[in-house]
Protein backbone atom coordinates (compact mmCIF):
# COMPACT_ATOMS: atom_id res chain seq x y z
CA MET A 1 9.68 83.18 -157.87
CA LYS A 2 9.42 82.80 -154.09
CA LEU A 3 11.26 79.95 -152.48
CA PHE A 4 11.06 79.26 -148.69
CA LEU A 5 12.97 77.13 -146.50
CA THR A 6 11.18 75.69 -143.20
CA GLY A 7 11.74 72.84 -140.92
CA ARG A 8 12.17 72.10 -137.10
CA PRO A 9 14.52 74.21 -134.87
CA ARG A 10 18.27 73.42 -135.64
CA CYS A 11 17.70 71.56 -138.63
CA GLY A 12 20.21 73.38 -140.87
CA LYS A 13 17.60 75.94 -142.72
CA THR A 14 20.28 79.09 -142.14
CA THR A 15 23.34 76.80 -143.15
CA LEU A 16 21.51 75.83 -146.36
CA PHE A 17 20.35 79.22 -146.95
CA LEU A 18 23.79 80.54 -146.75
CA ARG A 19 25.26 77.52 -148.97
CA ILE A 20 22.76 78.63 -151.43
CA ILE A 21 23.66 82.27 -151.45
CA ARG A 22 27.11 81.65 -151.58
CA LYS A 23 26.94 79.74 -154.83
CA LEU A 24 24.91 82.42 -156.55
CA ASP A 25 26.51 84.86 -158.96
CA ILE A 26 24.82 87.93 -157.21
CA THR A 27 24.93 89.51 -154.06
CA PRO A 28 21.06 89.57 -152.76
CA ALA A 29 19.27 92.44 -150.65
CA GLY A 30 18.55 91.09 -147.33
CA PHE A 31 19.96 89.68 -144.06
CA TYR A 32 20.72 86.37 -142.29
CA THR A 33 21.17 85.68 -138.23
CA GLU A 34 23.75 83.87 -136.95
CA GLU A 35 24.44 82.43 -133.20
CA ILE A 36 26.29 84.25 -130.73
CA ARG A 37 28.16 81.73 -128.52
CA GLU A 38 30.08 82.08 -125.16
CA LYS A 39 31.76 79.13 -123.51
CA GLY A 40 29.96 76.82 -125.95
CA MET A 41 26.35 77.94 -124.96
CA ARG A 42 24.11 80.11 -127.37
CA THR A 43 23.57 83.52 -125.46
CA GLY A 44 22.19 85.20 -128.73
CA PHE A 45 21.74 86.05 -132.33
CA ARG A 46 23.46 88.70 -134.60
CA ILE A 47 21.65 89.98 -137.61
CA ARG A 48 23.98 90.71 -140.64
CA THR A 49 23.10 92.18 -144.18
CA PHE A 50 24.67 91.11 -147.31
CA ASP A 51 26.14 94.63 -147.65
CA GLY A 52 27.91 94.30 -144.62
CA ARG A 53 25.79 96.07 -141.62
CA GLN A 54 25.36 94.40 -138.52
CA GLY A 55 23.90 94.18 -134.98
CA ILE A 56 22.77 92.45 -131.99
CA LEU A 57 19.05 91.18 -132.67
CA ALA A 58 18.74 89.33 -129.64
CA THR A 59 20.77 88.38 -126.43
CA ILE A 60 20.12 86.79 -122.77
CA HIS A 61 22.08 89.54 -121.25
CA ASP A 62 20.53 93.06 -122.29
CA VAL A 63 16.88 93.20 -120.95
CA LYS A 64 14.56 94.63 -123.74
CA GLU A 65 10.65 95.12 -123.74
CA HIS A 66 10.19 92.08 -126.14
CA LYS A 67 11.16 88.60 -125.16
CA VAL A 68 11.28 85.49 -127.13
CA GLY A 69 12.11 82.36 -125.09
CA LYS A 70 15.34 83.39 -122.88
CA TYR A 71 16.22 86.27 -125.61
CA TYR A 72 15.57 89.73 -125.35
CA VAL A 73 14.94 91.01 -128.88
CA ASP A 74 16.05 94.53 -129.78
CA LEU A 75 13.39 95.53 -132.46
CA ASP A 76 15.37 98.89 -132.89
CA VAL A 77 18.36 96.75 -134.23
CA LEU A 78 15.95 94.60 -136.36
CA GLU A 79 14.56 97.67 -138.08
CA ARG A 80 17.77 99.47 -138.31
CA VAL A 81 19.42 96.93 -140.17
CA ALA A 82 16.87 94.43 -141.63
CA ILE A 83 14.30 96.90 -143.01
CA PRO A 84 16.60 99.09 -144.97
CA ALA A 85 18.41 95.76 -146.67
CA LEU A 86 14.92 94.84 -148.03
CA ALA A 87 13.75 98.33 -149.32
CA VAL A 88 16.33 98.44 -152.23
CA ASP A 89 15.77 97.14 -155.76
CA ALA A 90 17.34 93.96 -156.06
CA GLN A 91 17.57 90.74 -158.25
CA LEU A 92 16.91 88.38 -154.80
CA TYR A 93 15.78 89.00 -151.80
CA ALA A 94 17.28 86.87 -149.05
CA ILE A 95 15.59 86.65 -146.05
CA ASP A 96 16.69 84.50 -142.90
CA GLU A 97 14.28 84.57 -141.17
CA ILE A 98 10.63 85.22 -141.10
CA GLY A 99 10.25 83.99 -137.57
CA LYS A 100 9.07 84.97 -133.87
CA MET A 101 11.56 87.48 -133.27
CA GLU A 102 11.40 89.04 -136.45
CA MET A 103 7.62 89.29 -136.81
CA LEU A 104 7.39 91.26 -133.25
CA SER A 105 7.98 94.26 -135.31
CA GLU A 106 5.12 95.98 -137.18
CA ARG A 107 7.62 97.55 -139.92
CA PHE A 108 8.86 94.51 -140.59
CA ARG A 109 5.83 92.64 -140.98
CA ASN A 110 4.72 95.42 -143.46
CA GLU A 111 7.93 95.21 -145.38
CA ILE A 112 7.56 91.34 -145.65
CA ASN A 113 4.23 91.66 -146.75
CA ARG A 114 5.08 93.98 -149.49
CA LEU A 115 7.54 91.77 -150.70
CA LEU A 116 5.53 88.65 -150.61
CA ASN A 117 2.96 90.48 -152.54
CA SER A 118 5.19 91.52 -155.21
CA ASP A 119 6.87 89.99 -158.18
CA LYS A 120 9.92 90.01 -156.61
CA LYS A 121 12.33 86.87 -156.56
CA ILE A 122 12.81 85.56 -152.88
CA LEU A 123 14.45 82.90 -150.89
CA ALA A 124 13.77 83.09 -147.24
CA THR A 125 13.81 80.65 -144.04
CA VAL A 126 10.63 80.79 -142.46
CA GLY A 127 9.48 79.50 -139.23
CA ARG A 128 6.57 76.75 -139.29
CA ASN A 129 4.39 79.09 -137.40
CA TYR A 130 4.40 81.50 -140.26
CA LEU A 131 3.93 79.19 -143.31
CA GLN A 132 0.17 80.61 -143.75
CA ILE A 133 1.18 83.98 -144.47
CA LEU A 134 3.34 82.82 -147.52
CA PRO A 135 1.92 83.45 -150.97
CA LYS A 136 0.29 80.64 -152.79
CA ASP A 137 2.68 80.64 -155.60
CA GLY A 138 5.53 79.95 -153.39
CA MET A 139 7.60 76.90 -153.16
CA VAL A 140 8.15 75.60 -149.72
CA PHE A 141 10.81 72.95 -148.88
CA GLU A 142 11.10 71.15 -145.73
CA VAL A 143 14.54 71.12 -144.57
CA THR A 144 16.01 67.80 -142.85
CA PRO A 145 19.50 66.87 -142.70
CA ALA A 146 18.86 63.94 -145.24
CA LYS A 147 17.30 66.21 -147.83
CA ARG A 148 19.38 69.32 -147.64
CA SER A 149 21.81 68.36 -150.69
CA GLU A 150 18.91 67.54 -152.55
CA ILE A 151 16.97 70.95 -151.85
CA GLU A 152 20.07 72.84 -152.43
CA ASP A 153 20.30 71.37 -155.97
CA ARG A 154 16.65 72.16 -156.49
CA VAL A 155 16.66 75.70 -155.27
CA LEU A 156 19.95 76.56 -156.93
CA SER A 157 18.38 75.30 -160.31
CA LEU A 158 15.16 77.28 -159.89
CA LEU A 159 17.18 80.62 -159.06
CA ARG A 160 19.42 80.40 -162.02
C-alpha cells in the first residue's frame, strides 16, 4: 500500500503526515522536515529521522552548490541522514517529502525509485511536480485545510 499526501505549499501536508504517524502503533523508517525560524522568519529546514538523527537540510545562511528558491540545499546532509533511514527493513516507510530539494540528489532519487517499485508500505508527502513518478497502484490525497480531518481518518484506516 502506497499513500501520498500532496497539495499547495503550506496547506498542512507535513502537519497531517506527522499527526498520522503519531497515531500509529509503530515507529516507521524514514524522515520528516521541519522549518527553522529566526525572529518569525523561515530561514531553513531541518531533516529528522524517526530514529533520532538530524541535520540542516537547507538554509539561507550557508552557501552551497544547490539552491531551491532562497534556500541553499546541503545534499551531503540529505544523503547522510535520509538515505540510511530508508535503507532498513520496516513495516512502514514514512517520507516527508518527495520534493524539489530532495530530488536534487541522484542517490535519493534512486532510493525513492527502489521503494516506489517495491511491495513496501509507504506514506509520503509529495510535491505536485513529482506526482508523475508515483506508482499507478498508489493513492493520492489532495490536502486542503477543509479536508485534513477526513484524509487523516481515511489514511489511518488504510494503514491499520
